[in-house]
Amino acid sequence: MDDFERALEPVVRRMERVKLPASFLREALVPGATLKLGALAMRWAGMPNKNERAVLREALDALANAGYLEHLEEETWRVVRAAE
């Protein structure tokens, strides 16, 4: 298990339930990019429901806690580093 997978470990069960693939998040981690929850949710789920948005936000928060993202403002993060 790499650092990226470890970072998502607390939310992996919820991600599985809403079918949020870790690979989608891994691909979104382009250093310097800005991630907005709404836009990212639309890219992933089309018309995301509140549960899908909540799980995506938890995953982004987990990645921020692990140093992959910097939380800029409500529902916006900057990618600090790519997944290994």
PDB file of N, CA and C in Angstrom:
ATOM      1  N   MET A   1       0.845  -1.179   0.000  1.00  0.00           N
ATOM      2  CA  MET A   1       0.000   0.000   0.000  1.00  0.00           C
ATOM      3  C   MET A   1       0.891   1.243   0.000  1.00  0.00           C
ATOM      4  N   ASP A   2       0.633   2.166  -0.941  1.00  0.00           N
ATOM      5  CA  ASP A   2       1.437   3.380  -1.002  1.00  0.00           C
ATOM      6  C   ASP A   2       0.803   4.490  -0.151  1.00  0.00           C
ATOM      7  N   ASP A   3       1.474   5.637  -0.075  1.00  0.00           N
ATOM      8  CA  ASP A   3       0.999   6.758   0.751  1.00  0.00           C
ATOM      9  C   ASP A   3      -0.373   7.251   0.303  1.00  0.00           C
ATOM     10  N   PHE A   4      -0.604   7.272  -0.989  1.00  0.00           N
ATOM     11  CA  PHE A   4      -1.890   7.712  -1.536  1.00  0.00           C
ATOM     12  C   PHE A   4      -3.023   6.812  -1.027  1.00  0.00           C
ATOM     13  N   GLU A   5      -2.832   5.511  -1.112  1.00  0.00           N
ATOM     14  CA  GLU A   5      -3.849   4.564  -0.636  1.00  0.00           C
ATOM     15  C   GLU A   5      -4.046   4.680   0.868  1.00  0.00           C
ATOM     16  N   ARG A   6      -2.944   4.882   1.595  1.00  0.00           N
ATOM     17  CA  ARG A   6      -3.037   5.064   3.049  1.00  0.00           C
ATOM     18  C   ARG A   6      -3.838   6.322   3.390  1.00  0.00           C
ATOM     19  N   ALA A   7      -3.640   7.381   2.619  1.00  0.00           N
ATOM     20  CA  ALA A   7      -4.362   8.634   2.857  1.00  0.00           C
ATOM     21  C   ALA A   7      -5.873   8.439   2.708  1.00  0.00           C
ATOM     22  N   LEU A   8      -6.271   7.593   1.768  1.00  0.00           N
ATOM     23  CA  LEU A   8      -7.699   7.368   1.500  1.00  0.00           C
ATOM     24  C   LEU A   8      -8.310   6.263   2.365  1.00  0.00           C
ATOM     25  N   GLU A   9      -7.475   5.569   3.108  1.00  0.00           N
ATOM     26  CA  GLU A   9      -7.949   4.441   3.914  1.00  0.00           C
ATOM     27  C   GLU A   9      -9.171   4.762   4.783  1.00  0.00           C
ATOM     28  N   PRO A  10      -9.233   5.932   5.440  1.00  0.00           N
ATOM     29  CA  PRO A  10     -10.409   6.208   6.290  1.00  0.00           C
ATOM     30  C   PRO A  10     -11.723   6.324   5.517  1.00  0.00           C
ATOM     31  N   VAL A  11     -11.660   6.614   4.223  1.00  0.00           N
ATOM     32  CA  VAL A  11     -12.898   6.811   3.451  1.00  0.00           C
ATOM     33  C   VAL A  11     -13.103   5.759   2.370  1.00  0.00           C
ATOM     34  N   VAL A  12     -12.240   4.773   2.305  1.00  0.00           N
ATOM     35  CA  VAL A  12     -12.287   3.816   1.195  1.00  0.00           C
ATOM     36  C   VAL A  12     -13.614   3.047   1.141  1.00  0.00           C
ATOM     37  N   ARG A  13     -14.194   2.694   2.266  1.00  0.00           N
ATOM     38  CA  ARG A  13     -15.473   1.958   2.260  1.00  0.00           C
ATOM     39  C   ARG A  13     -16.595   2.807   1.673  1.00  0.00           C
ATOM     40  N   ARG A  14     -16.641   4.074   2.082  1.00  0.00           N
ATOM     41  CA  ARG A  14     -17.669   4.980   1.546  1.00  0.00           C
ATOM     42  C   ARG A  14     -17.444   5.210   0.055  1.00  0.00           C
ATOM     43  N   MET A  15     -16.188   5.318  -0.351  1.00  0.00           N
ATOM     44  CA  MET A  15     -15.876   5.484  -1.772  1.00  0.00           C
ATOM     45  C   MET A  15     -16.379   4.277  -2.563  1.00  0.00           C
ATOM     46  N   GLU A  16     -16.189   3.089  -2.027  1.00  0.00           N
ATOM     47  CA  GLU A  16     -16.653   1.873  -2.703  1.00  0.00           C
ATOM     48  C   GLU A  16     -18.165   1.886  -2.848  1.00  0.00           C
ATOM     49  N   ARG A  17     -18.877   2.320  -1.803  1.00  0.00           N
ATOM     50  CA  ARG A  17     -20.347   2.337  -1.839  1.00  0.00           C
ATOM     51  C   ARG A  17     -20.906   3.247  -2.923  1.00  0.00           C
ATOM     52  N   VAL A  18     -20.235   4.382  -3.168  1.00  0.00           N
ATOM     53  CA  VAL A  18     -20.729   5.302  -4.201  1.00  0.00           C
ATOM     54  C   VAL A  18     -19.971   5.130  -5.530  1.00  0.00           C
ATOM     55  N   LYS A  19     -19.107   4.115  -5.565  1.00  0.00           N
ATOM     56  CA  LYS A  19     -18.345   3.781  -6.772  1.00  0.00           C
ATOM     57  C   LYS A  19     -17.421   4.921  -7.226  1.00  0.00           C
ATOM     58  N   LEU A  20     -16.749   5.537  -6.242  1.00  0.00           N
ATOM     59  CA  LEU A  20     -15.730   6.557  -6.529  1.00  0.00           C
ATOM     60  C   LEU A  20     -14.384   5.853  -6.598  1.00  0.00           C
ATOM     61  N   PRO A  21     -13.827   5.690  -7.793  1.00  0.00           N
ATOM     62  CA  PRO A  21     -12.548   4.976  -7.906  1.00  0.00           C
ATOM     63  C   PRO A  21     -11.369   5.834  -7.457  1.00  0.00           C
ATOM     64  N   ALA A  22     -10.468   5.224  -6.721  1.00  0.00           N
ATOM     65  CA  ALA A  22      -9.257   5.915  -6.292  1.00  0.00           C
ATOM     66  C   ALA A  22      -8.469   6.382  -7.510  1.00  0.00           C
ATOM     67  N   SER A  23      -8.557   5.652  -8.614  1.00  0.00           N
ATOM     68  CA  SER A  23      -7.831   6.030  -9.836  1.00  0.00           C
ATOM     69  C   SER A  23      -8.305   7.393 -10.353  1.00  0.00           C
ATOM     70  N   PHE A  24      -9.583   7.717 -10.183  1.00  0.00           N
ATOM     71  CA  PHE A  24     -10.101   9.023 -10.598  1.00  0.00           C
ATOM     72  C   PHE A  24      -9.408  10.133  -9.807  1.00  0.00           C
ATOM     73  N   LEU A  25      -9.281   9.923  -8.496  1.00  0.00           N
ATOM     74  CA  LEU A  25      -8.622  10.912  -7.649  1.00  0.00           C
ATOM     75  C   LEU A  25      -7.131  10.995  -7.965  1.00  0.00           C
ATOM     76  N   ARG A  26      -6.512   9.849  -8.182  1.00  0.00           N
ATOM     77  CA  ARG A  26      -5.072   9.807  -8.506  1.00  0.00           C
ATOM     78  C   ARG A  26      -4.801  10.632  -9.775  1.00  0.00           C
ATOM     79  N   GLU A  27      -5.662  10.480 -10.780  1.00  0.00           N
ATOM     80  CA  GLU A  27      -5.490  11.204 -12.038  1.00  0.00           C
ATOM     81  C   GLU A  27      -5.736  12.705 -11.874  1.00  0.00           C
ATOM     82  N   ALA A  28      -6.561  13.090 -10.899  1.00  0.00           N
ATOM     83  CA  ALA A  28      -6.868  14.504 -10.667  1.00  0.00           C
ATOM     84  C   ALA A  28      -5.711  15.240  -9.986  1.00  0.00           C
ATOM     85  N   LEU A  29      -4.771  14.497  -9.417  1.00  0.00           N
ATOM     86  CA  LEU A  29      -3.672  15.110  -8.676  1.00  0.00           C
ATOM     87  C   LEU A  29      -2.552  15.562  -9.614  1.00  0.00           C
ATOM     88  N   VAL A  30      -2.789  16.667 -10.288  1.00  0.00           N
ATOM     89  CA  VAL A  30      -1.809  17.274 -11.179  1.00  0.00           C
ATOM     90  C   VAL A  30      -1.256  18.490 -10.442  1.00  0.00           C
ATOM     91  N   PRO A  31       0.021  18.443 -10.037  1.00  0.00           N
ATOM     92  CA  PRO A  31       0.581  19.548  -9.243  1.00  0.00           C
ATOM     93  C   PRO A  31       0.313  20.919  -9.866  1.00  0.00           C
ATOM     94  N   GLY A  32      -0.154  21.838  -9.004  1.00  0.00           N
ATOM     95  CA  GLY A  32      -0.476  23.182  -9.439  1.00  0.00           C
ATOM     96  C   GLY A  32      -1.925  23.375  -9.862  1.00  0.00           C
ATOM     97  N   ALA A  33      -2.631  22.287 -10.120  1.00  0.00           N
ATOM     98  CA  ALA A  33      -4.032  22.382 -10.539  1.00  0.00           C
ATOM     99  C   ALA A  33      -4.914  22.797  -9.362  1.00  0.00           C
ATOM    100  N   THR A  34      -6.011  23.459  -9.670  1.00  0.00           N
ATOM    101  CA  THR A  34      -7.006  23.815  -8.665  1.00  0.00           C
ATOM    102  C   THR A  34      -8.196  22.886  -8.843  1.00  0.00           C
ATOM    103  N   LEU A  35      -8.618  22.258  -7.749  1.00  0.00           N
ATOM    104  CA  LEU A  35      -9.766  21.357  -7.783  1.00  0.00           C
ATOM    105  C   LEU A  35     -10.934  22.013  -7.070  1.00  0.00           C
ATOM    106  N   LYS A  36     -12.063  22.074  -7.746  1.00  0.00           N
ATOM    107  CA  LYS A  36     -13.294  22.589  -7.154  1.00  0.00           C
ATOM    108  C   LYS A  36     -14.242  21.416  -6.997  1.00  0.00           C
ATOM    109  N   LEU A  37     -14.806  21.278  -5.822  1.00  0.00           N
ATOM    110  CA  LEU A  37     -15.649  20.126  -5.514  1.00  0.00           C
ATOM    111  C   LEU A  37     -16.745  19.931  -6.556  1.00  0.00           C
ATOM    112  N   GLY A  38     -17.485  20.980  -6.874  1.00  0.00           N
ATOM    113  CA  GLY A  38     -18.597  20.856  -7.816  1.00  0.00           C
ATOM    114  C   GLY A  38     -18.160  20.378  -9.186  1.00  0.00           C
ATOM    115  N   ALA A  39     -17.114  20.989  -9.725  1.00  0.00           N
ATOM    116  CA  ALA A  39     -16.628  20.619 -11.055  1.00  0.00           C
ATOM    117  C   ALA A  39     -16.078  19.198 -11.065  1.00  0.00           C
ATOM    118  N   LEU A  40     -15.350  18.833 -10.022  1.00  0.00           N
ATOM    119  CA  LEU A  40     -14.789  17.484  -9.940  1.00  0.00           C
ATOM    120  C   LEU A  40     -15.901  16.446  -9.799  1.00  0.00           C
ATOM    121  N   ALA A  41     -16.913  16.763  -9.016  1.00  0.00           N
ATOM    122  CA  ALA A  41     -18.057  15.849  -8.844  1.00  0.00           C
ATOM    123  C   ALA A  41     -18.791  15.656 -10.168  1.00  0.00           C
ATOM    124  N   MET A  42     -18.949  16.729 -10.922  1.00  0.00           N
ATOM    125  CA  MET A  42     -19.616  16.624 -12.229  1.00  0.00           C
ATOM    126  C   MET A  42     -18.796  15.761 -13.184  1.00  0.00           C
ATOM    127  N   ARG A  43     -17.478  15.915 -13.157  1.00  0.00           N
ATOM    128  CA  ARG A  43     -16.602  15.100 -14.015  1.00  0.00           C
ATOM    129  C   ARG A  43     -16.727  13.629 -13.675  1.00  0.00           C
ATOM    130  N   TRP A  44     -16.843  13.336 -12.384  1.00  0.00           N
ATOM    131  CA  TRP A  44     -16.894  11.947 -11.939  1.00  0.00           C
ATOM    132  C   TRP A  44     -18.281  11.349 -12.097  1.00  0.00           C
ATOM    133  N   ALA A  45     -19.315  12.029 -11.600  1.00  0.00           N
ATOM    134  CA  ALA A  45     -20.636  11.401 -11.483  1.00  0.00           C
ATOM    135  C   ALA A  45     -21.706  12.005 -12.385  1.00  0.00           C
ATOM    136  N   GLY A  46     -21.371  12.967 -13.192  1.00  0.00           N
ATOM    137  CA  GLY A  46     -22.399  13.583 -14.024  1.00  0.00           C
ATOM    138  C   GLY A  46     -23.246  14.536 -13.197  1.00  0.00           C
ATOM    139  N   MET A  47     -24.322  14.032 -12.652  1.00  0.00           N
ATOM    140  CA  MET A  47     -25.179  14.827 -11.761  1.00  0.00           C
ATOM    141  C   MET A  47     -25.089  14.198 -10.371  1.00  0.00           C
ATOM    142  N   PRO A  48     -24.082  14.578  -9.588  1.00  0.00           N
ATOM    143  CA  PRO A  48     -23.862  13.931  -8.292  1.00  0.00           C
ATOM    144  C   PRO A  48     -24.966  14.244  -7.280  1.00  0.00           C
ATOM    145  N   ASN A  49     -25.320  13.226  -6.498  1.00  0.00           N
ATOM    146  CA  ASN A  49     -26.268  13.461  -5.405  1.00  0.00           C
ATOM    147  C   ASN A  49     -25.483  13.909  -4.169  1.00  0.00           C
ATOM    148  N   LYS A  50     -26.217  14.218  -3.099  1.00  0.00           N
ATOM    149  CA  LYS A  50     -25.534  14.757  -1.912  1.00  0.00           C
ATOM    150  C   LYS A  50     -24.578  13.749  -1.286  1.00  0.00           C
ATOM    151  N   ASN A  51     -24.898  12.458  -1.351  1.00  0.00           N
ATOM    152  CA  ASN A  51     -23.995  11.446  -0.795  1.00  0.00           C
ATOM    153  C   ASN A  51     -22.703  11.367  -1.596  1.00  0.00           C
ATOM    154  N   GLU A  52     -22.810  11.417  -2.915  1.00  0.00           N
ATOM    155  CA  GLU A  52     -21.614  11.367  -3.760  1.00  0.00           C
ATOM    156  C   GLU A  52     -20.732  12.591  -3.518  1.00  0.00           C
ATOM    157  N   ARG A  53     -21.340  13.755  -3.422  1.00  0.00           N
ATOM    158  CA  ARG A  53     -20.566  14.977  -3.139  1.00  0.00           C
ATOM    159  C   ARG A  53     -19.894  14.894  -1.767  1.00  0.00           C
ATOM    160  N   ALA A  54     -20.623  14.370  -0.782  1.00  0.00           N
ATOM    161  CA  ALA A  54     -20.079  14.266   0.578  1.00  0.00           C
ATOM    162  C   ALA A  54     -18.872  13.332   0.614  1.00  0.00           C
ATOM    163  N   VAL A  55     -18.960  12.202  -0.063  1.00  0.00           N
ATOM    164  CA  VAL A  55     -17.842  11.249  -0.075  1.00  0.00           C
ATOM    165  C   VAL A  55     -16.653  11.845  -0.822  1.00  0.00           C
ATOM    166  N   LEU A  56     -16.912  12.520  -1.932  1.00  0.00           N
ATOM    167  CA  LEU A  56     -15.821  13.155  -2.664  1.00  0.00           C
ATOM    168  C   LEU A  56     -15.144  14.203  -1.790  1.00  0.00           C
ATOM    169  N   ARG A  57     -15.927  14.977  -1.068  1.00  0.00           N
ATOM    170  CA  ARG A  57     -15.340  15.994  -0.176  1.00  0.00           C
ATOM    171  C   ARG A  57     -14.499  15.321   0.917  1.00  0.00           C
ATOM    172  N   GLU A  58     -14.994  14.232   1.506  1.00  0.00           N
ATOM    173  CA  GLU A  58     -14.223  13.515   2.530  1.00  0.00           C
ATOM    174  C   GLU A  58     -12.904  13.000   1.951  1.00  0.00           C
ATOM    175  N   ALA A  59     -12.943  12.498   0.726  1.00  0.00           N
ATOM    176  CA  ALA A  59     -11.719  11.991   0.084  1.00  0.00           C
ATOM    177  C   ALA A  59     -10.738  13.134  -0.158  1.00  0.00           C
ATOM    178  N   LEU A  60     -11.239  14.283  -0.620  1.00  0.00           N
ATOM    179  CA  LEU A  60     -10.368  15.435  -0.848  1.00  0.00           C
ATOM    180  C   LEU A  60      -9.786  15.948   0.469  1.00  0.00           C
ATOM    181  N   ASP A  61     -10.598  15.960   1.514  1.00  0.00           N
ATOM    182  CA  ASP A  61     -10.090  16.361   2.831  1.00  0.00           C
ATOM    183  C   ASP A  61      -9.013  15.398   3.324  1.00  0.00           C
ATOM    184  N   ALA A  62      -9.222  14.099   3.095  1.00  0.00           N
ATOM    185  CA  ALA A  62      -8.224  13.100   3.500  1.00  0.00           C
ATOM    186  C   ALA A  62      -6.912  13.324   2.745  1.00  0.00           C
ATOM    187  N   LEU A  63      -7.023  13.647   1.458  1.00  0.00           N
ATOM    188  CA  LEU A  63      -5.818  13.914   0.664  1.00  0.00           C
ATOM    189  C   LEU A  63      -5.142  15.203   1.116  1.00  0.00           C
ATOM    190  N   ALA A  64      -5.921  16.184   1.532  1.00  0.00           N
ATOM    191  CA  ALA A  64      -5.346  17.427   2.069  1.00  0.00           C
ATOM    192  C   ALA A  64      -4.604  17.142   3.372  1.00  0.00           C
ATOM    193  N   ASN A  65      -5.196  16.332   4.228  1.00  0.00           N
ATOM    194  CA  ASN A  65      -4.555  15.970   5.501  1.00  0.00           C
ATOM    195  C   ASN A  65      -3.244  15.225   5.278  1.00  0.00           C
ATOM    196  N   ALA A  66      -3.140  14.520   4.156  1.00  0.00           N
ATOM    197  CA  ALA A  66      -1.934  13.750   3.846  1.00  0.00           C
ATOM    198  C   ALA A  66      -0.906  14.571   3.058  1.00  0.00           C
ATOM    199  N   GLY A  67      -1.222  15.840   2.772  1.00  0.00           N
ATOM    200  CA  GLY A  67      -0.268  16.702   2.097  1.00  0.00           C
ATOM    201  C   GLY A  67      -0.321  16.696   0.581  1.00  0.00           C
ATOM    202  N   TYR A  68      -1.334  16.060   0.001  1.00  0.00           N
ATOM    203  CA  TYR A  68      -1.476  16.062  -1.455  1.00  0.00           C
ATOM    204  C   TYR A  68      -2.148  17.341  -1.948  1.00  0.00           C
ATOM    205  N   LEU A  69      -3.021  17.900  -1.125  1.00  0.00           N
ATOM    206  CA  LEU A  69      -3.789  19.087  -1.488  1.00  0.00           C
ATOM    207  C   LEU A  69      -3.625  20.159  -0.431  1.00  0.00           C
ATOM    208  N   GLU A  70      -3.791  21.404  -0.848  1.00  0.00           N
ATOM    209  CA  GLU A  70      -3.837  22.530   0.067  1.00  0.00           C
ATOM    210  C   GLU A  70      -5.242  23.102  -0.018  1.00  0.00           C
ATOM    211  N   HIS A  71      -5.923  23.181   1.114  1.00  0.00           N
ATOM    212  CA  HIS A  71      -7.288  23.703   1.135  1.00  0.00           C
ATOM    213  C   HIS A  71      -7.214  25.215   0.996  1.00  0.00           C
ATOM    214  N   LEU A  72      -7.800  25.754  -0.075  1.00  0.00           N
ATOM    215  CA  LEU A  72      -7.736  27.183  -0.346  1.00  0.00           C
ATOM    216  C   LEU A  72      -8.928  27.931   0.238  1.00  0.00           C
ATOM    217  N   GLU A  73     -10.112  27.430  -0.055  1.00  0.00           N
ATOM    218  CA  GLU A  73     -11.351  28.038   0.434  1.00  0.00           C
ATOM    219  C   GLU A  73     -12.426  26.965   0.383  1.00  0.00           C
ATOM    220  N   GLU A  74     -13.628  27.343   0.759  1.00  0.00           N
ATOM    221  CA  GLU A  74     -14.742  26.390   0.770  1.00  0.00           C
ATOM    222  C   GLU A  74     -14.843  25.683  -0.580  1.00  0.00           C
ATOM    223  N   GLU A  75     -14.714  24.367  -0.572  1.00  0.00           N
ATOM    224  CA  GLU A  75     -14.852  23.507  -1.750  1.00  0.00           C
ATOM    225  C   GLU A  75     -13.785  23.725  -2.824  1.00  0.00           C
ATOM    226  N   THR A  76     -12.616  24.265  -2.448  1.00  0.00           N
ATOM    227  CA  THR A  76     -11.535  24.488  -3.410  1.00  0.00           C
ATOM    228  C   THR A  76     -10.194  24.091  -2.793  1.00  0.00           C
ATOM    229  N   TRP A  77      -9.424  23.314  -3.566  1.00  0.00           N
ATOM    230  CA  TRP A  77      -8.111  22.853  -3.140  1.00  0.00           C
ATOM    231  C   TRP A  77      -7.107  23.069  -4.263  1.00  0.00           C
ATOM    232  N   ARG A  78      -5.835  23.244  -3.907  1.00  0.00           N
ATOM    233  CA  ARG A  78      -4.749  23.273  -4.877  1.00  0.00           C
ATOM    234  C   ARG A  78      -3.950  21.987  -4.702  1.00  0.00           C
ATOM    235  N   VAL A  79      -3.610  21.376  -5.822  1.00  0.00           N
ATOM    236  CA  VAL A  79      -2.814  20.140  -5.776  1.00  0.00           C
ATOM    237  C   VAL A  79      -1.367  20.509  -5.484  1.00  0.00           C
ATOM    238  N   VAL A  80      -0.827  19.960  -4.411  1.00  0.00           N
ATOM    239  CA  VAL A  80       0.543  20.221  -3.989  1.00  0.00           C
ATOM    240  C   VAL A  80       1.502  19.201  -4.601  1.00  0.00           C
ATOM    241  N   ARG A  81       1.056  17.951  -4.632  1.00  0.00           N
ATOM    242  CA  ARG A  81       1.920  16.895  -5.202  1.00  0.00           C
ATOM    243  C   ARG A  81       1.072  15.798  -5.819  1.00  0.00           C
ATOM    244  N   ALA A  82       1.664  15.125  -6.779  1.00  0.00           N
ATOM    245  CA  ALA A  82       0.989  14.015  -7.451  1.00  0.00           C
ATOM    246  C   ALA A  82       1.069  12.755  -6.593  1.00  0.00           C
ATOM    247  N   ALA A  83       0.191  11.823  -6.888  1.00  0.00           N
ATOM    248  CA  ALA A  83       0.249  10.520  -6.218  1.00  0.00           C
ATOM    249  C   ALA A  83       1.434   9.753  -6.773  1.00  0.00           C
ATOM    250  N   GLU A  84       2.051   8.956  -5.933  1.00  0.00           N
ATOM    251  CA  GLU A  84       3.217   8.192  -6.372  1.00  0.00           C
ATOM    252  C   GLU A  84       2.813   7.086  -7.309  1.00  0.00           C
TER     253      GLU A  84
END
